[in-house]
Amino acid sequence: DACRPVVLGRRPALEAAARRLRAQIVFDP
């Protein structure tokens, strides 16, 4: 609601964290 977030980092690490947390997030490179 406050902003448009852009994450700077390694996509595989973020995707692995999302799986561990059962978060349905798609990281668009």
PDB file of all heavy atoms in Angstrom:
ATOM      1  N   ASP A   1       0.819  -1.208   0.000  1.00  0.00           N
ATOM      2  CA  ASP A   1       0.000   0.000   0.000  1.00  0.00           C
ATOM      3  C   ASP A   1       0.856   1.262   0.000  1.00  0.00           C
ATOM      4  O   ASP A   1       0.453   2.296  -0.527  1.00  0.00           O
ATOM      5  CB  ASP A   1      -0.930   0.024   1.220  1.00  0.00           C
ATOM      6  CG  ASP A   1      -2.052  -0.980   1.110  1.00  0.00           C
ATOM      7  OD1 ASP A   1      -2.318  -1.483  -0.008  1.00  0.00           O
ATOM      8  OD2 ASP A   1      -2.668  -1.278   2.160  1.00  0.00           O
ATOM      9  N   ALA A   2       2.051   1.170   0.586  1.00  0.00           N
ATOM     10  CA  ALA A   2       2.910   2.342   0.745  1.00  0.00           C
ATOM     11  C   ALA A   2       3.874   2.571  -0.417  1.00  0.00           C
ATOM     12  O   ALA A   2       4.288   3.699  -0.670  1.00  0.00           O
ATOM     13  CB  ALA A   2       3.716   2.223   2.038  1.00  0.00           C
ATOM     14  N   CYS A   3       4.269   1.481  -1.134  1.00  0.00           N
ATOM     15  CA  CYS A   3       5.303   1.647  -2.159  1.00  0.00           C
ATOM     16  C   CYS A   3       5.263   0.518  -3.180  1.00  0.00           C
ATOM     17  O   CYS A   3       4.450  -0.388  -3.088  1.00  0.00           O
ATOM     18  CB  CYS A   3       6.676   1.686  -1.488  1.00  0.00           C
ATOM     19  SG  CYS A   3       7.137   0.107  -0.735  1.00  0.00           S
ATOM     20  N   ARG A   4       6.195   0.620  -4.118  1.00  0.00           N
ATOM     21  CA  ARG A   4       6.434  -0.448  -5.094  1.00  0.00           C
ATOM     22  C   ARG A   4       7.796  -1.041  -4.753  1.00  0.00           C
ATOM     23  O   ARG A   4       8.839  -0.473  -5.106  1.00  0.00           O
ATOM     24  CB  ARG A   4       6.428   0.099  -6.516  1.00  0.00           C
ATOM     25  CG  ARG A   4       5.074   0.661  -6.923  1.00  0.00           C
ATOM     26  CD  ARG A   4       5.068   1.211  -8.325  1.00  0.00           C
ATOM     27  NE  ARG A   4       5.982   2.340  -8.440  1.00  0.00           N
ATOM     28  CZ  ARG A   4       6.542   2.755  -9.564  1.00  0.00           C
ATOM     29  NH1 ARG A   4       6.296   2.150 -10.694  1.00  0.00           N
ATOM     30  NH2 ARG A   4       7.346   3.799  -9.577  1.00  0.00           N
ATOM     31  N   PRO A   5       7.847  -2.180  -4.051  1.00  0.00           N
ATOM     32  CA  PRO A   5       9.132  -2.733  -3.619  1.00  0.00           C
ATOM     33  C   PRO A   5       9.905  -3.386  -4.756  1.00  0.00           C
ATOM     34  O   PRO A   5       9.323  -4.037  -5.631  1.00  0.00           O
ATOM     35  CB  PRO A   5       8.743  -3.765  -2.564  1.00  0.00           C
ATOM     36  CG  PRO A   5       7.351  -4.148  -2.903  1.00  0.00           C
ATOM     37  CD  PRO A   5       6.720  -2.937  -3.536  1.00  0.00           C
ATOM     38  N   VAL A   6      11.216  -3.195  -4.737  1.00  0.00           N
ATOM     39  CA  VAL A   6      12.140  -3.853  -5.653  1.00  0.00           C
ATOM     40  C   VAL A   6      13.199  -4.501  -4.775  1.00  0.00           C
ATOM     41  O   VAL A   6      13.869  -3.821  -3.997  1.00  0.00           O
ATOM     42  CB  VAL A   6      12.798  -2.848  -6.626  1.00  0.00           C
ATOM     43  CG1 VAL A   6      13.855  -3.535  -7.469  1.00  0.00           C
ATOM     44  CG2 VAL A   6      11.750  -2.186  -7.498  1.00  0.00           C
ATOM     45  N   VAL A   7      13.335  -5.820  -4.876  1.00  0.00           N
ATOM     46  CA  VAL A   7      14.277  -6.545  -4.032  1.00  0.00           C
ATOM     47  C   VAL A   7      15.579  -6.756  -4.800  1.00  0.00           C
ATOM     48  O   VAL A   7      15.574  -7.220  -5.940  1.00  0.00           O
ATOM     49  CB  VAL A   7      13.698  -7.905  -3.593  1.00  0.00           C
ATOM     50  CG1 VAL A   7      14.702  -8.664  -2.739  1.00  0.00           C
ATOM     51  CG2 VAL A   7      12.392  -7.707  -2.849  1.00  0.00           C
ATOM     52  N   LEU A   8      16.687  -6.428  -4.158  1.00  0.00           N
ATOM     53  CA  LEU A   8      18.004  -6.635  -4.734  1.00  0.00           C
ATOM     54  C   LEU A   8      18.630  -7.832  -4.040  1.00  0.00           C
ATOM     55  O   LEU A   8      18.865  -7.805  -2.831  1.00  0.00           O
ATOM     56  CB  LEU A   8      18.877  -5.391  -4.530  1.00  0.00           C
ATOM     57  CG  LEU A   8      18.270  -4.073  -5.008  1.00  0.00           C
ATOM     58  CD1 LEU A   8      19.149  -2.912  -4.611  1.00  0.00           C
ATOM     59  CD2 LEU A   8      18.050  -4.110  -6.502  1.00  0.00           C
ATOM     60  N   GLY A   9      18.861  -8.889  -4.784  1.00  0.00           N
ATOM     61  CA  GLY A   9      19.434 -10.082  -4.180  1.00  0.00           C
ATOM     62  C   GLY A   9      19.395 -11.259  -5.130  1.00  0.00           C
ATOM     63  O   GLY A   9      18.976 -11.139  -6.280  1.00  0.00           O
ATOM     64  N   ARG A  10      19.795 -12.403  -4.616  1.00  0.00           N
ATOM     65  CA  ARG A  10      19.844 -13.624  -5.420  1.00  0.00           C
ATOM     66  C   ARG A  10      18.468 -14.300  -5.437  1.00  0.00           C
ATOM     67  O   ARG A  10      17.946 -14.681  -4.404  1.00  0.00           O
ATOM     68  CB  ARG A  10      20.905 -14.565  -4.888  1.00  0.00           C
ATOM     69  CG  ARG A  10      22.298 -13.928  -4.971  1.00  0.00           C
ATOM     70  CD  ARG A  10      23.421 -14.886  -4.770  1.00  0.00           C
ATOM     71  NE  ARG A  10      23.308 -16.148  -5.452  1.00  0.00           N
ATOM     72  CZ  ARG A  10      23.618 -16.371  -6.729  1.00  0.00           C
ATOM     73  NH1 ARG A  10      24.061 -15.400  -7.480  1.00  0.00           N
ATOM     74  NH2 ARG A  10      23.498 -17.579  -7.240  1.00  0.00           N
ATOM     75  N   ARG A  11      17.960 -14.427  -6.633  1.00  0.00           N
ATOM     76  CA  ARG A  11      16.616 -14.981  -6.805  1.00  0.00           C
ATOM     77  C   ARG A  11      16.470 -16.386  -6.214  1.00  0.00           C
ATOM     78  O   ARG A  11      15.473 -16.664  -5.536  1.00  0.00           O
ATOM     79  CB  ARG A  11      16.259 -14.963  -8.287  1.00  0.00           C
ATOM     80  CG  ARG A  11      14.851 -15.384  -8.574  1.00  0.00           C
ATOM     81  CD  ARG A  11      14.556 -15.254 -10.046  1.00  0.00           C
ATOM     82  NE  ARG A  11      13.203 -15.673 -10.333  1.00  0.00           N
ATOM     83  CZ  ARG A  11      12.744 -15.799 -11.549  1.00  0.00           C
ATOM     84  NH1 ARG A  11      13.502 -15.536 -12.587  1.00  0.00           N
ATOM     85  NH2 ARG A  11      11.507 -16.190 -11.740  1.00  0.00           N
ATOM     86  N   PRO A  12      17.436 -17.308  -6.428  1.00  0.00           N
ATOM     87  CA  PRO A  12      17.272 -18.648  -5.849  1.00  0.00           C
ATOM     88  C   PRO A  12      17.144 -18.631  -4.325  1.00  0.00           C
ATOM     89  O   PRO A  12      16.370 -19.406  -3.756  1.00  0.00           O
ATOM     90  CB  PRO A  12      18.534 -19.396  -6.293  1.00  0.00           C
ATOM     91  CG  PRO A  12      18.978 -18.683  -7.526  1.00  0.00           C
ATOM     92  CD  PRO A  12      18.623 -17.240  -7.294  1.00  0.00           C
ATOM     93  N   ALA A  13      17.878 -17.759  -3.663  1.00  0.00           N
ATOM     94  CA  ALA A  13      17.797 -17.673  -2.196  1.00  0.00           C
ATOM     95  C   ALA A  13      16.436 -17.145  -1.766  1.00  0.00           C
ATOM     96  O   ALA A  13      15.852 -17.634  -0.780  1.00  0.00           O
ATOM     97  CB  ALA A  13      18.917 -16.775  -1.657  1.00  0.00           C
ATOM     98  N   LEU A  14      15.910 -16.175  -2.479  1.00  0.00           N
ATOM     99  CA  LEU A  14      14.592 -15.627  -2.161  1.00  0.00           C
ATOM    100  C   LEU A  14      13.487 -16.653  -2.415  1.00  0.00           C
ATOM    101  O   LEU A  14      12.562 -16.794  -1.617  1.00  0.00           O
ATOM    102  CB  LEU A  14      14.332 -14.356  -2.966  1.00  0.00           C
ATOM    103  CG  LEU A  14      15.209 -13.169  -2.576  1.00  0.00           C
ATOM    104  CD1 LEU A  14      15.195 -12.124  -3.674  1.00  0.00           C
ATOM    105  CD2 LEU A  14      14.752 -12.590  -1.255  1.00  0.00           C
ATOM    106  N   GLU A  15      13.599 -17.379  -3.512  1.00  0.00           N
ATOM    107  CA  GLU A  15      12.597 -18.398  -3.825  1.00  0.00           C
ATOM    108  C   GLU A  15      12.630 -19.527  -2.798  1.00  0.00           C
ATOM    109  O   GLU A  15      11.587 -20.036  -2.398  1.00  0.00           O
ATOM    110  CB  GLU A  15      12.807 -18.931  -5.234  1.00  0.00           C
ATOM    111  CG  GLU A  15      12.447 -17.908  -6.297  1.00  0.00           C
ATOM    112  CD  GLU A  15      12.795 -18.341  -7.704  1.00  0.00           C
ATOM    113  OE1 GLU A  15      13.680 -19.215  -7.872  1.00  0.00           O
ATOM    114  OE2 GLU A  15      12.201 -17.780  -8.637  1.00  0.00           O
ATOM    115  N   ALA A  16      13.834 -19.914  -2.350  1.00  0.00           N
ATOM    116  CA  ALA A  16      13.947 -20.952  -1.327  1.00  0.00           C
ATOM    117  C   ALA A  16      13.314 -20.485  -0.015  1.00  0.00           C
ATOM    118  O   ALA A  16      12.614 -21.256   0.657  1.00  0.00           O
ATOM    119  CB  ALA A  16      15.416 -21.328  -1.113  1.00  0.00           C
ATOM    120  N   ALA A  17      13.549 -19.239   0.345  1.00  0.00           N
ATOM    121  CA  ALA A  17      12.945 -18.691   1.567  1.00  0.00           C
ATOM    122  C   ALA A  17      11.426 -18.664   1.448  1.00  0.00           C
ATOM    123  O   ALA A  17      10.718 -19.001   2.399  1.00  0.00           O
ATOM    124  CB  ALA A  17      13.483 -17.290   1.837  1.00  0.00           C
ATOM    125  N   ALA A  18      10.921 -18.301   0.291  1.00  0.00           N
ATOM    126  CA  ALA A  18       9.466 -18.267   0.084  1.00  0.00           C
ATOM    127  C   ALA A  18       8.874 -19.672   0.212  1.00  0.00           C
ATOM    128  O   ALA A  18       7.807 -19.842   0.812  1.00  0.00           O
ATOM    129  CB  ALA A  18       9.139 -17.657  -1.276  1.00  0.00           C
ATOM    130  N   ARG A  19       9.568 -20.672  -0.311  1.00  0.00           N
ATOM    131  CA  ARG A  19       9.083 -22.053  -0.173  1.00  0.00           C
ATOM    132  C   ARG A  19       9.072 -22.485   1.296  1.00  0.00           C
ATOM    133  O   ARG A  19       8.099 -23.077   1.762  1.00  0.00           O
ATOM    134  CB  ARG A  19       9.953 -23.010  -0.986  1.00  0.00           C
ATOM    135  CG  ARG A  19       9.652 -23.030  -2.463  1.00  0.00           C
ATOM    136  CD  ARG A  19      10.333 -24.179  -3.171  1.00  0.00           C
ATOM    137  NE  ARG A  19      11.772 -24.173  -3.024  1.00  0.00           N
ATOM    138  CZ  ARG A  19      12.617 -23.478  -3.778  1.00  0.00           C
ATOM    139  NH1 ARG A  19      12.143 -22.711  -4.746  1.00  0.00           N
ATOM    140  NH2 ARG A  19      13.911 -23.535  -3.584  1.00  0.00           N
ATOM    141  N   ARG A  20      10.159 -22.158   2.027  1.00  0.00           N
ATOM    142  CA  ARG A  20      10.233 -22.536   3.446  1.00  0.00           C
ATOM    143  C   ARG A  20       9.108 -21.891   4.249  1.00  0.00           C
ATOM    144  O   ARG A  20       8.574 -22.492   5.173  1.00  0.00           O
ATOM    145  CB  ARG A  20      11.582 -22.129   4.048  1.00  0.00           C
ATOM    146  CG  ARG A  20      12.718 -23.070   3.701  1.00  0.00           C
ATOM    147  CD  ARG A  20      13.945 -22.785   4.537  1.00  0.00           C
ATOM    148  NE  ARG A  20      14.499 -21.461   4.347  1.00  0.00           N
ATOM    149  CZ  ARG A  20      15.338 -21.104   3.390  1.00  0.00           C
ATOM    150  NH1 ARG A  20      15.724 -21.978   2.486  1.00  0.00           N
ATOM    151  NH2 ARG A  20      15.794 -19.877   3.319  1.00  0.00           N
ATOM    152  N   LEU A  21       8.762 -20.657   3.893  1.00  0.00           N
ATOM    153  CA  LEU A  21       7.721 -19.927   4.616  1.00  0.00           C
ATOM    154  C   LEU A  21       6.329 -20.147   4.020  1.00  0.00           C
ATOM    155  O   LEU A  21       5.361 -19.545   4.467  1.00  0.00           O
ATOM    156  CB  LEU A  21       8.056 -18.432   4.633  1.00  0.00           C
ATOM    157  CG  LEU A  21       9.321 -18.075   5.402  1.00  0.00           C
ATOM    158  CD1 LEU A  21       9.687 -16.614   5.182  1.00  0.00           C
ATOM    159  CD2 LEU A  21       9.143 -18.368   6.882  1.00  0.00           C
ATOM    160  N   ARG A  22       6.268 -20.960   2.971  1.00  0.00           N
ATOM    161  CA  ARG A  22       5.007 -21.239   2.273  1.00  0.00           C
ATOM    162  C   ARG A  22       4.313 -19.958   1.809  1.00  0.00           C
ATOM    163  O   ARG A  22       3.095 -19.807   1.928  1.00  0.00           O
ATOM    164  CB  ARG A  22       4.092 -22.082   3.137  1.00  0.00           C
ATOM    165  CG  ARG A  22       4.697 -23.428   3.411  1.00  0.00           C
ATOM    166  CD  ARG A  22       3.803 -24.320   4.163  1.00  0.00           C
ATOM    167  NE  ARG A  22       4.495 -25.608   4.307  1.00  0.00           N
ATOM    168  CZ  ARG A  22       4.201 -26.478   5.230  1.00  0.00           C
ATOM    169  NH1 ARG A  22       3.239 -26.236   6.075  1.00  0.00           N
ATOM    170  NH2 ARG A  22       4.859 -27.589   5.302  1.00  0.00           N
ATOM    171  N   ALA A  23       5.134 -19.057   1.304  1.00  0.00           N
ATOM    172  CA  ALA A  23       4.637 -17.787   0.769  1.00  0.00           C
ATOM    173  C   ALA A  23       4.525 -17.911  -0.744  1.00  0.00           C
ATOM    174  O   ALA A  23       5.461 -18.362  -1.399  1.00  0.00           O
ATOM    175  CB  ALA A  23       5.576 -16.652   1.138  1.00  0.00           C
ATOM    176  N   GLN A  24       3.410 -17.526  -1.273  1.00  0.00           N
ATOM    177  CA  GLN A  24       3.214 -17.592  -2.718  1.00  0.00           C
ATOM    178  C   GLN A  24       3.595 -16.252  -3.329  1.00  0.00           C
ATOM    179  O   GLN A  24       2.743 -15.397  -3.576  1.00  0.00           O
ATOM    180  CB  GLN A  24       1.780 -17.976  -3.026  1.00  0.00           C
ATOM    181  CG  GLN A  24       1.455 -19.352  -2.526  1.00  0.00           C
ATOM    182  CD  GLN A  24       0.129 -19.858  -3.025  1.00  0.00           C
ATOM    183  OE1 GLN A  24      -0.512 -19.245  -3.872  1.00  0.00           O
ATOM    184  NE2 GLN A  24      -0.282 -20.983  -2.516  1.00  0.00           N
ATOM    185  N   ILE A  25       4.900 -16.101  -3.546  1.00  0.00           N
ATOM    186  CA  ILE A  25       5.444 -14.866  -4.111  1.00  0.00           C
ATOM    187  C   ILE A  25       6.193 -15.227  -5.385  1.00  0.00           C
ATOM    188  O   ILE A  25       6.970 -16.174  -5.405  1.00  0.00           O
ATOM    189  CB  ILE A  25       6.402 -14.181  -3.115  1.00  0.00           C
ATOM    190  CG1 ILE A  25       5.650 -13.793  -1.844  1.00  0.00           C
ATOM    191  CG2 ILE A  25       7.070 -12.968  -3.747  1.00  0.00           C
ATOM    192  CD1 ILE A  25       6.540 -13.262  -0.744  1.00  0.00           C
ATOM    193  N   VAL A  26       5.953 -14.473  -6.431  1.00  0.00           N
ATOM    194  CA  VAL A  26       6.673 -14.674  -7.695  1.00  0.00           C
ATOM    195  C   VAL A  26       7.676 -13.541  -7.824  1.00  0.00           C
ATOM    196  O   VAL A  26       7.323 -12.363  -7.738  1.00  0.00           O
ATOM    197  CB  VAL A  26       5.695 -14.653  -8.892  1.00  0.00           C
ATOM    198  CG1 VAL A  26       6.460 -14.754 -10.196  1.00  0.00           C
ATOM    199  CG2 VAL A  26       4.681 -15.780  -8.762  1.00  0.00           C
ATOM    200  N   PHE A  27       8.938 -13.907  -7.987  1.00  0.00           N
ATOM    201  CA  PHE A  27      10.001 -12.910  -8.143  1.00  0.00           C
ATOM    202  C   PHE A  27      10.290 -12.753  -9.627  1.00  0.00           C
ATOM    203  O   PHE A  27      10.772 -13.677 -10.281  1.00  0.00           O
ATOM    204  CB  PHE A  27      11.256 -13.369  -7.399  1.00  0.00           C
ATOM    205  CG  PHE A  27      11.058 -13.436  -5.908  1.00  0.00           C
ATOM    206  CD1 PHE A  27      10.754 -14.628  -5.296  1.00  0.00           C
ATOM    207  CD2 PHE A  27      11.172 -12.294  -5.150  1.00  0.00           C
ATOM    208  CE1 PHE A  27      10.561 -14.687  -3.928  1.00  0.00           C
ATOM    209  CE2 PHE A  27      10.978 -12.330  -3.771  1.00  0.00           C
ATOM    210  CZ  PHE A  27      10.673 -13.544  -3.156  1.00  0.00           C
ATOM    211  N   ASP A  28       9.949 -11.587 -10.161  1.00  0.00           N
ATOM    212  CA  ASP A  28      10.212 -11.287 -11.564  1.00  0.00           C
ATOM    213  C   ASP A  28      11.587 -10.649 -11.683  1.00  0.00           C
ATOM    214  O   ASP A  28      11.823  -9.592 -11.072  1.00  0.00           O
ATOM    215  CB  ASP A  28       9.156 -10.333 -12.129  1.00  0.00           C
ATOM    216  CG  ASP A  28       7.785 -10.956 -12.190  1.00  0.00           C
ATOM    217  OD1 ASP A  28       7.699 -12.168 -12.456  1.00  0.00           O
ATOM    218  OD2 ASP A  28       6.791 -10.238 -11.967  1.00  0.00           O
ATOM    219  N   PRO A  29      12.492 -11.260 -12.443  1.00  0.00           N
ATOM    220  CA  PRO A  29      13.829 -10.687 -12.562  1.00  0.00           C
ATOM    221  C   PRO A  29      13.819  -9.399 -13.375  1.00  0.00           C
ATOM    222  O   PRO A  29      13.108  -9.283 -14.372  1.00  0.00           O
ATOM    223  CB  PRO A  29      14.638 -11.768 -13.257  1.00  0.00           C
ATOM    224  CG  PRO A  29      13.631 -12.559 -14.021  1.00  0.00           C
ATOM    225  CD  PRO A  29      12.351 -12.475 -13.212  1.00  0.00           C
TER     226      PRO A  29
END
